[in-house]
N, C-alpha and C. Protein backbone atom coordinates (compact mmCIF):
# COMPACT_ATOMS: atom_id res chain seq x y z
N MET A 1 28.93 83.12 77.35
CA MET A 1 28.63 82.22 76.26
C MET A 1 29.59 82.45 75.07
N VAL A 2 29.95 83.70 74.78
CA VAL A 2 30.89 83.97 73.72
C VAL A 2 32.23 83.35 74.00
N VAL A 3 32.70 83.43 75.24
CA VAL A 3 33.97 82.81 75.57
C VAL A 3 33.94 81.30 75.41
N THR A 4 32.78 80.65 75.79
CA THR A 4 32.66 79.24 75.62
C THR A 4 32.71 78.81 74.18
N ILE A 5 32.03 79.60 73.35
CA ILE A 5 32.09 79.34 71.87
C ILE A 5 33.51 79.54 71.35
N GLY A 6 34.19 80.55 71.78
CA GLY A 6 35.53 80.80 71.35
C GLY A 6 36.48 79.70 71.73
N LEU A 7 36.39 79.19 73.01
CA LEU A 7 37.18 78.14 73.43
C LEU A 7 36.92 76.89 72.68
N ALA A 8 35.65 76.60 72.36
CA ALA A 8 35.34 75.42 71.57
C ALA A 8 36.00 75.49 70.21
N ALA A 9 36.03 76.68 69.61
CA ALA A 9 36.63 76.88 68.26
C ALA A 9 38.18 76.65 68.37
N VAL A 10 38.77 77.14 69.44
CA VAL A 10 40.17 76.89 69.67
C VAL A 10 40.47 75.40 69.80
N ASN A 11 39.71 74.71 70.55
CA ASN A 11 39.80 73.26 70.72
C ASN A 11 39.66 72.56 69.41
N ALA A 12 38.61 72.92 68.65
CA ALA A 12 38.36 72.24 67.36
C ALA A 12 39.44 72.42 66.34
N SER A 13 40.22 73.52 66.48
CA SER A 13 41.31 73.77 65.52
C SER A 13 42.66 73.23 66.00
N GLY A 14 42.61 72.50 67.16
CA GLY A 14 43.80 71.89 67.60
C GLY A 14 44.62 72.76 68.54
N GLY A 15 44.08 73.90 68.97
CA GLY A 15 44.76 74.85 69.84
C GLY A 15 44.73 74.46 71.27
N ILE A 16 45.27 75.28 72.12
CA ILE A 16 45.30 75.11 73.57
C ILE A 16 44.39 76.16 74.19
N SER A 17 43.37 75.74 74.86
CA SER A 17 42.42 76.75 75.47
C SER A 17 42.63 76.67 77.03
N VAL A 18 42.75 77.86 77.61
CA VAL A 18 43.03 77.92 79.02
C VAL A 18 42.09 78.92 79.66
N GLN A 19 41.41 78.50 80.72
CA GLN A 19 40.57 79.30 81.45
C GLN A 19 41.28 79.80 82.71
N VAL A 20 41.32 81.07 82.92
CA VAL A 20 41.95 81.68 84.09
C VAL A 20 40.89 82.18 85.04
N GLY A 21 40.93 81.70 86.30
CA GLY A 21 39.95 82.12 87.26
C GLY A 21 38.90 80.99 87.39
N PHE A 22 37.66 81.38 87.55
CA PHE A 22 36.56 80.40 87.74
C PHE A 22 36.51 79.42 86.54
N ALA A 23 36.35 78.19 86.93
CA ALA A 23 36.35 77.09 85.84
C ALA A 23 34.95 76.56 85.54
N TRP A 24 33.88 77.15 86.01
CA TRP A 24 32.56 76.58 85.77
C TRP A 24 32.12 76.99 84.34
N GLY A 25 31.39 76.09 83.68
CA GLY A 25 30.74 76.40 82.41
C GLY A 25 31.73 76.79 81.30
N THR A 26 32.85 76.10 81.18
CA THR A 26 33.83 76.44 80.20
C THR A 26 34.14 75.18 79.31
N ASN A 27 34.61 75.48 78.11
CA ASN A 27 35.10 74.45 77.23
C ASN A 27 36.61 74.44 77.22
N ALA A 28 37.26 75.08 78.14
CA ALA A 28 38.70 75.14 78.21
C ALA A 28 39.26 73.72 78.47
N SER A 29 40.38 73.51 77.82
CA SER A 29 41.10 72.22 78.06
C SER A 29 41.91 72.27 79.36
N PHE A 30 42.32 73.44 79.76
CA PHE A 30 43.11 73.58 80.94
C PHE A 30 42.57 74.77 81.83
N PHE A 31 42.86 74.69 83.06
CA PHE A 31 42.41 75.70 84.02
C PHE A 31 43.55 76.11 84.90
N LEU A 32 43.77 77.43 84.99
CA LEU A 32 44.75 78.06 85.89
C LEU A 32 43.99 78.95 86.83
N PRO A 33 44.36 78.91 88.09
CA PRO A 33 43.55 79.59 89.10
C PRO A 33 43.74 81.16 89.09
N ASN A 34 44.89 81.65 88.57
CA ASN A 34 45.08 83.12 88.67
C ASN A 34 46.21 83.52 87.65
N VAL A 35 46.40 84.81 87.58
CA VAL A 35 47.39 85.38 86.67
C VAL A 35 48.81 84.93 87.00
N SER A 36 49.11 84.81 88.26
CA SER A 36 50.40 84.32 88.71
C SER A 36 50.68 82.87 88.17
N ALA A 37 49.66 82.10 88.18
CA ALA A 37 49.81 80.71 87.66
C ALA A 37 50.09 80.77 86.14
N VAL A 38 49.44 81.71 85.44
CA VAL A 38 49.69 81.82 84.02
C VAL A 38 51.15 82.16 83.74
N HIS A 39 51.64 83.16 84.52
CA HIS A 39 53.07 83.56 84.41
C HIS A 39 53.96 82.41 84.59
N ALA A 40 53.75 81.64 85.64
CA ALA A 40 54.58 80.46 85.98
C ALA A 40 54.52 79.44 84.90
N TRP A 41 53.38 79.17 84.35
CA TRP A 41 53.13 78.18 83.32
C TRP A 41 53.88 78.58 82.04
N LEU A 42 53.76 79.89 81.64
CA LEU A 42 54.39 80.39 80.46
C LEU A 42 55.96 80.37 80.62
N SER A 43 56.43 80.70 81.82
CA SER A 43 57.87 80.69 82.11
C SER A 43 58.37 79.20 81.97
N GLU A 44 57.67 78.32 82.52
CA GLU A 44 58.09 76.87 82.41
C GLU A 44 58.02 76.43 80.96
N LEU A 45 57.06 76.79 80.20
CA LEU A 45 56.93 76.41 78.75
C LEU A 45 58.14 77.04 77.95
N ALA A 46 58.49 78.29 78.23
CA ALA A 46 59.60 78.89 77.57
C ALA A 46 60.93 78.24 77.95
N ARG A 47 61.07 77.81 79.24
CA ARG A 47 62.28 77.17 79.67
C ARG A 47 62.43 75.79 78.96
N ARG A 48 61.29 75.06 78.85
CA ARG A 48 61.41 73.74 78.18
C ARG A 48 61.62 73.86 76.66
N MET A 49 61.17 74.92 76.08
CA MET A 49 61.39 75.11 74.64
C MET A 49 62.78 75.45 74.35
N HIS A 50 63.47 76.12 75.25
CA HIS A 50 64.88 76.56 75.04
C HIS A 50 65.88 75.59 75.68
N ALA A 51 65.46 74.49 76.22
CA ALA A 51 66.37 73.55 76.92
C ALA A 51 67.05 72.64 75.91
């Protein structure tokens, strides 16, 4: 429940909320299945920012 409240606060302030792993019962805007997916997503984000 604390995570859900925290993600709702992130969303309300215009942030990006990401749930890693199970996606049930979350307020996250995005879902990534595992840590490897997080690494890939962050790498792609960094690549686009420096392009």
